Amino acid sequence: MGSWAHRKLAEDRAEELLSEVPESSTGHGCAVPFPYADREEYKALASNREINAKIKSAPIEDVSLKDLQAIQHSVKPARVKQYIHHEGGAQIGELHPKAHTPVDHPVVVVANGKKYLHDGHHRATAAALRGEKTVKARVVRLG
């Protein structure tokens, strides 16, 4: 079976799995498939301004999905579905209109031995549902 067929099977299976994901505890969408980090502990690491200042120069690396900790409880199923099919992604170097930081990859903040998913919960969820083991992310190291 060709790579296109394998990809299509992975996408179909991911959509099926998405339909089985429970609602988040907040009731604002599906639960993320990663452990939820203590939000206050995360916020104490650095301000958004400090993290945003480091995102542009952060290297893009493969990050193990099993190591991620989420900083939000839920994702929107329709948005995850777009990412399952690799639709709606940003172009390389595309910047967020307000923060002026790249939005082309998820952002992972590494601090105190933990890997926090700062941005990209929908993309990382789609990757996990497709059965991928890693996600390419901009990795910001603090401290």
Foldseek 3Di string as FASTA:
>chain_A
DDPVVLLVVLLVQLLVVLVVFDQWPVNPAGFFPAAADDLVVVCVQDHPLVQLVCQQVFDWDWDFLNQEHEPDGHDHSVLLSCLLVPHPADDVCDADPPSRGDRRFFEWEDDPNGTYRPGDSSNSSSCVSSVHGIGTHRYHYGD
